[in-house]
Amino acid sequence: MATRTAAIALIARDALAEGETRACEIDTPDGPRRLILINVNGSVRAYLNSCPHQGVRLDWQPGVFLDVAGEHLQCAMHGALFRLTDGLCVAGPCAGRALHAVALTENDGWWAMAATPLPARAR
C-alpha cells in the first residue's frame, strides 16, 4: 500500500512573475529551513538558501538573490553564480557544484513541497 507524504504549501501559483525571486522560510521537525523560490519559464523552482561553498545564505538583502543582469542567482559572500534552471554553479569558488534543489508540485493553485527532511545547509 502506497503512503502519501504531506505537502507544505509555499506560494500561490500566480504570486511570482517570470524571473522574480522570493525568500521563504519553513518549519520542519529538524528546525527552520530557508528556501529561494524563483519563477523560470512559468514554473517555480526552489533551492535551499545555502551556498555549497561555505553554507552561507545567498541573499544580499532579504529576498535579493539575482545578479545585476538578472540571469543568475548570486552568492553575497564570494559572488558565485548559479544557473536559474538547475542551480549549477557556473562561476566562483564552488564552480561545478549545485544548490540543493527542492522538488515542487503544483496543488490546488499552490506550489508545494513534500514534507521530507532537508539539510540545514549545503556543505
Protein backbone atom coordinates (compact mmCIF):
# COMPACT_ATOMS: atom_id res chain seq x y z
CA MET A 1 0.00 0.00 0.00
CA ALA A 2 1.41 3.39 -1.01
CA THR A 3 1.61 6.15 1.57
CA ARG A 4 1.14 9.82 0.83
CA THR A 5 3.62 12.35 2.10
CA ALA A 6 2.08 15.58 3.35
CA ALA A 7 2.71 18.63 1.21
CA ILE A 8 3.80 22.03 2.50
CA ALA A 9 2.26 24.90 0.52
CA LEU A 10 4.90 27.53 -0.22
CA ILE A 11 3.43 30.12 -2.57
CA ALA A 12 0.33 30.71 -4.67
CA ARG A 13 0.75 29.62 -8.29
CA ASP A 14 0.47 33.17 -9.67
CA ALA A 15 2.36 35.02 -6.90
CA LEU A 16 5.73 35.16 -8.71
CA ALA A 17 6.20 36.88 -12.05
CA GLU A 18 8.65 35.46 -14.60
CA GLY A 19 12.21 35.86 -13.28
CA GLU A 20 11.07 37.02 -9.85
CA THR A 21 12.57 35.54 -6.68
CA ARG A 22 11.27 35.26 -3.16
CA ALA A 23 12.72 34.09 0.15
CA CYS A 24 10.67 31.52 2.03
CA GLU A 25 11.20 30.03 5.48
CA ILE A 26 9.51 26.80 6.52
CA ASP A 27 9.36 24.99 9.82
CA THR A 28 10.43 21.36 9.76
CA PRO A 29 10.83 18.77 12.53
CA ASP A 30 14.59 19.44 12.22
CA GLY A 31 14.19 23.21 12.59
CA PRO A 32 13.57 26.11 10.22
CA ARG A 33 14.81 25.93 6.64
CA ARG A 34 15.30 28.89 4.30
CA LEU A 35 14.43 28.48 0.63
CA ILE A 36 14.84 30.50 -2.55
CA LEU A 37 11.83 30.46 -4.86
CA ILE A 38 12.16 31.61 -8.49
CA ASN A 39 9.85 31.59 -11.48
CA VAL A 40 11.75 30.26 -14.51
CA ASN A 41 9.85 29.82 -17.77
CA GLY A 42 6.49 29.80 -15.97
CA SER A 43 7.49 27.15 -13.44
CA VAL A 44 8.56 27.84 -9.87
CA ARG A 45 11.78 26.24 -8.70
CA ALA A 46 13.06 26.04 -5.12
CA TYR A 47 16.56 25.78 -3.73
CA LEU A 48 17.90 25.64 -0.21
CA ASN A 49 19.20 29.13 0.58
CA SER A 50 22.72 27.89 1.28
CA CYS A 51 25.82 28.22 -0.89
CA PRO A 52 27.62 24.89 -1.44
CA HIS A 53 30.95 26.70 -0.93
CA GLN A 54 30.59 27.77 2.73
CA GLY A 55 26.96 27.13 3.62
CA VAL A 56 26.08 30.84 3.88
CA ARG A 57 22.83 32.41 2.70
CA LEU A 58 22.88 33.73 -0.84
CA ASP A 59 20.75 36.88 -0.46
CA TRP A 60 22.45 40.28 -0.49
CA GLN A 61 19.49 41.71 1.37
CA PRO A 62 16.45 39.74 2.50
CA GLY A 63 14.96 38.19 -0.64
CA VAL A 64 17.51 39.69 -3.09
CA PHE A 65 19.23 36.83 -4.93
CA LEU A 66 19.83 37.78 -8.57
CA ASP A 67 22.96 39.22 -10.13
CA VAL A 68 22.77 42.68 -11.72
CA ALA A 69 21.80 41.23 -15.11
CA GLY A 70 19.04 39.09 -13.55
CA GLU A 71 20.49 35.99 -15.23
CA HIS A 72 21.91 34.06 -12.25
CA LEU A 73 21.43 33.57 -8.55
CA GLN A 74 24.46 35.12 -6.88
CA CYS A 75 26.08 34.35 -3.53
CA ALA A 76 26.52 37.51 -1.48
CA MET A 77 29.74 36.29 0.15
CA HIS A 78 32.01 35.35 -2.76
CA GLY A 79 29.95 36.18 -5.85
CA ALA A 80 29.42 32.60 -7.05
CA LEU A 81 26.89 32.49 -9.91
CA PHE A 82 24.25 29.75 -10.17
CA ARG A 83 22.02 28.93 -13.15
CA LEU A 84 18.35 29.61 -12.53
CA THR A 85 17.20 26.41 -14.21
CA ASP A 86 19.14 23.85 -12.17
CA GLY A 87 21.18 25.71 -9.53
CA LEU A 88 24.54 24.67 -11.03
CA CYS A 89 27.42 27.00 -10.11
CA VAL A 90 28.96 28.31 -13.33
CA ALA A 91 31.46 30.76 -11.81
CA GLY A 92 33.08 31.22 -8.43
CA PRO A 93 34.73 29.11 -5.74
CA CYS A 94 32.17 26.30 -5.98
CA ALA A 95 32.06 26.00 -9.79
CA GLY A 96 30.62 22.66 -10.85
CA ARG A 97 28.65 22.17 -7.63
CA ALA A 98 24.95 22.97 -7.35
CA LEU A 99 22.46 24.43 -4.93
CA HIS A 100 20.32 21.85 -3.14
CA ALA A 101 17.14 21.67 -5.27
CA VAL A 102 13.79 21.14 -3.55
CA ALA A 103 11.20 19.32 -5.65
CA LEU A 104 7.91 21.19 -6.01
CA THR A 105 4.48 20.15 -7.23
CA GLU A 106 1.51 22.28 -8.14
CA ASN A 107 -1.50 21.52 -5.92
CA ASP A 108 -4.81 23.40 -5.89
CA GLY A 109 -3.31 26.68 -7.11
CA TRP A 110 -0.24 26.48 -4.86
CA TRP A 111 3.37 25.44 -5.35
CA ALA A 112 4.13 22.91 -2.64
CA MET A 113 6.95 20.67 -1.49
CA ALA A 114 6.79 17.25 0.10
CA ALA A 115 7.27 17.25 3.86
CA THR A 116 10.62 15.48 3.67
CA PRO A 117 13.85 16.21 5.55
CA LEU A 118 16.09 18.97 4.21
CA PRO A 119 19.68 19.63 5.24
CA ALA A 120 20.23 22.70 7.39
CA ARG A 121 22.77 23.95 4.88
CA ALA A 122 24.59 22.80 1.78
CA ARG A 123 28.14 21.68 2.56
